N, C-alpha and C. Protein backbone atom coordinates (compact mmCIF):
# COMPACT_ATOMS: atom_id res chain seq x y z
N MET A 1 20.39 -25.84 4.33
CA MET A 1 19.04 -25.11 4.06
C MET A 1 19.30 -24.19 2.85
N ILE A 2 18.83 -24.83 2.23
CA ILE A 2 18.22 -23.77 0.58
C ILE A 2 17.89 -22.65 0.89
N ARG A 3 18.72 -21.27 0.32
CA ARG A 3 18.17 -20.26 0.32
C ARG A 3 18.09 -19.74 -0.85
N PRO A 4 16.52 -18.97 -0.63
CA PRO A 4 15.52 -18.76 -2.02
C PRO A 4 16.17 -17.45 -2.50
N ARG A 5 16.13 -17.78 -4.06
CA ARG A 5 16.91 -16.82 -5.10
C ARG A 5 16.08 -16.41 -5.69
N ILE A 6 16.10 -15.03 -5.76
CA ILE A 6 15.11 -13.63 -6.35
C ILE A 6 15.39 -13.93 -7.81
N ALA A 7 14.21 -14.28 -8.96
CA ALA A 7 14.97 -14.44 -10.06
C ALA A 7 14.85 -13.28 -10.79
N ALA A 8 13.90 -12.38 -10.62
CA ALA A 8 13.91 -10.83 -11.29
C ALA A 8 14.25 -9.86 -10.26
N PRO A 9 15.59 -9.09 -10.14
CA PRO A 9 15.49 -8.55 -9.28
C PRO A 9 14.84 -7.50 -9.21
N GLN A 10 14.56 -6.34 -10.57
CA GLN A 10 14.14 -5.86 -10.91
C GLN A 10 12.39 -5.53 -10.42
N ASP A 11 11.87 -6.88 -10.37
CA ASP A 11 10.53 -6.50 -10.26
C ASP A 11 10.53 -7.06 -8.41
N PHE A 12 11.76 -7.27 -8.15
CA PHE A 12 11.58 -7.52 -6.60
C PHE A 12 11.48 -6.05 -5.98
N ALA A 13 12.77 -5.42 -6.49
CA ALA A 13 12.87 -3.91 -6.16
C ALA A 13 11.50 -2.87 -6.70
N GLY A 14 10.74 -3.44 -7.79
CA GLY A 14 9.91 -2.70 -7.68
C GLY A 14 8.29 -2.87 -7.00
N GLY A 15 8.18 -4.24 -6.59
CA GLY A 15 7.36 -4.30 -5.48
C GLY A 15 7.51 -3.98 -4.04
N LEU A 16 8.83 -3.63 -3.83
CA LEU A 16 9.14 -3.12 -2.58
C LEU A 16 8.89 -1.48 -2.71
N PHE A 17 9.37 -1.15 -4.09
CA PHE A 17 8.86 0.62 -3.97
C PHE A 17 7.31 0.78 -3.65
N LEU A 18 6.30 -0.18 -4.92
CA LEU A 18 5.01 0.07 -4.29
C LEU A 18 4.49 -0.29 -2.95
N ILE A 19 5.04 -0.77 -2.55
CA ILE A 19 4.31 -1.18 -0.74
C ILE A 19 4.96 -0.09 -0.26
N ALA A 20 6.51 0.45 -0.57
CA ALA A 20 6.73 1.60 0.45
C ALA A 20 5.78 2.87 0.02
N ILE A 21 5.50 3.27 -1.23
CA ILE A 21 4.32 4.18 -1.49
C ILE A 21 3.17 3.86 -1.28
N GLY A 22 2.43 2.69 -0.91
CA GLY A 22 1.17 2.13 -0.29
C GLY A 22 1.47 2.41 1.30
N LEU A 23 2.69 2.01 1.77
CA LEU A 23 2.59 2.31 3.05
C LEU A 23 2.66 3.67 3.75
N GLY A 24 3.16 4.68 2.55
CA GLY A 24 3.81 6.34 2.69
C GLY A 24 2.49 6.97 2.65
N ALA A 25 1.46 6.36 1.81
CA ALA A 25 0.21 7.34 1.46
C ALA A 25 -0.70 6.57 2.59
N LEU A 26 -0.56 5.60 3.02
CA LEU A 26 -1.40 5.50 4.50
C LEU A 26 -1.03 6.16 5.44
N TRP A 27 0.27 6.00 5.88
CA TRP A 27 0.37 7.13 6.65
C TRP A 27 0.46 9.02 6.67
N ALA A 28 0.34 9.00 5.29
CA ALA A 28 0.14 10.34 5.23
C ALA A 28 -1.55 10.94 5.54
N SER A 29 -2.29 9.71 4.91
CA SER A 29 -3.78 10.23 5.45
C SER A 29 -4.44 9.60 6.58
N THR A 30 -3.55 9.31 7.60
CA THR A 30 -3.73 8.98 9.22
C THR A 30 -4.56 10.16 9.72
N GLY A 31 -4.55 11.33 9.26
CA GLY A 31 -4.91 12.44 10.09
C GLY A 31 -6.87 12.83 9.51
N LEU A 32 -6.92 11.89 8.25
CA LEU A 32 -8.03 12.45 7.68
C LEU A 32 -9.23 11.29 8.19
N ALA A 33 -10.37 11.62 8.41
CA ALA A 33 -11.43 10.93 8.90
C ALA A 33 -11.89 10.05 7.70
N MET A 34 -11.96 8.81 8.30
CA MET A 34 -12.57 7.74 7.42
C MET A 34 -13.88 7.47 7.11
N GLY A 35 -14.58 7.83 7.90
CA GLY A 35 -16.18 7.85 7.76
C GLY A 35 -16.74 6.59 7.47
N THR A 36 -17.82 6.32 7.16
CA THR A 36 -18.58 4.93 6.78
C THR A 36 -18.81 4.90 5.29
N LEU A 37 -19.20 3.81 4.75
CA LEU A 37 -19.67 3.58 3.31
C LEU A 37 -20.86 4.55 3.36
N ARG A 38 -21.77 4.47 4.21
CA ARG A 38 -23.15 6.09 3.49
C ARG A 38 -22.40 7.52 3.89
N ALA A 39 -21.42 7.68 4.09
CA ALA A 39 -20.82 8.82 4.64
C ALA A 39 -19.72 9.22 4.56
N MET A 40 -18.94 8.65 3.57
CA MET A 40 -17.49 8.69 2.94
C MET A 40 -16.89 10.23 3.28
N GLY A 41 -15.98 9.82 4.42
CA GLY A 41 -14.95 11.16 4.77
C GLY A 41 -13.93 10.95 3.96
N PRO A 42 -13.22 12.26 3.89
CA PRO A 42 -12.21 12.54 3.25
C PRO A 42 -10.99 11.51 3.30
N GLY A 43 -10.70 10.62 4.02
CA GLY A 43 -9.47 9.48 3.96
C GLY A 43 -9.96 8.92 3.31
N MET A 44 -11.53 8.12 3.29
CA MET A 44 -11.96 7.19 2.52
C MET A 44 -10.85 6.50 1.06
N LEU A 45 -11.12 7.35 0.01
CA LEU A 45 -10.04 6.74 -1.24
C LEU A 45 -8.88 6.72 -1.06
N PRO A 46 -8.13 8.22 -0.12
CA PRO A 46 -6.62 7.52 -0.22
C PRO A 46 -6.30 6.44 0.75
N LYS A 47 -7.02 6.33 1.49
CA LYS A 47 -6.90 4.87 2.57
C LYS A 47 -7.12 3.59 1.66
N SER A 48 -7.76 3.63 0.85
CA SER A 48 -8.92 2.31 0.51
C SER A 48 -7.58 2.34 -0.83
N LEU A 49 -7.05 3.37 -1.59
CA LEU A 49 -6.07 2.98 -2.68
C LEU A 49 -4.70 2.77 -1.94
N ALA A 50 -4.26 3.32 -0.82
CA ALA A 50 -2.77 2.81 -0.10
C ALA A 50 -2.71 1.67 0.10
N VAL A 51 -4.16 1.32 0.65
CA VAL A 51 -4.34 -0.65 0.93
C VAL A 51 -3.96 -1.47 -0.23
N MET A 52 -4.78 -1.17 -1.27
CA MET A 52 -4.87 -1.65 -2.20
C MET A 52 -3.54 -1.90 -3.19
N VAL A 53 -2.57 -0.47 -3.08
CA VAL A 53 -1.52 -0.95 -3.52
C VAL A 53 -0.19 -1.57 -2.92
N ALA A 54 -0.45 -1.40 -1.67
CA ALA A 54 0.19 -2.14 -0.88
C ALA A 54 -0.01 -3.39 -0.83
N GLY A 55 -1.23 -3.93 -0.47
CA GLY A 55 -1.62 -5.28 -0.33
C GLY A 55 -1.29 -6.36 -1.72
N LEU A 56 -1.66 -5.46 -2.71
CA LEU A 56 -1.54 -6.36 -3.98
C LEU A 56 -0.24 -6.78 -4.44
N GLU A 57 0.72 -5.83 -3.90
CA GLU A 57 2.45 -6.28 -4.40
C GLU A 57 2.91 -6.85 -3.16
N GLY A 58 2.56 -6.91 -1.87
CA GLY A 58 2.50 -7.35 -1.09
C GLY A 58 2.81 -9.35 -1.32
């Protein structure tokens, strides 16, 4: 079985760090109401940004 090799460990660590930041922000904003697109709540921006940061790095 061929074991995958990480070409750039710094990039891998940076990606894991950004995923952790995104998941932490998502967890921290769980108590905020999301609302709808017509009536955005206080949790819309932090949750959206957290999903984008964690999702784009994953």
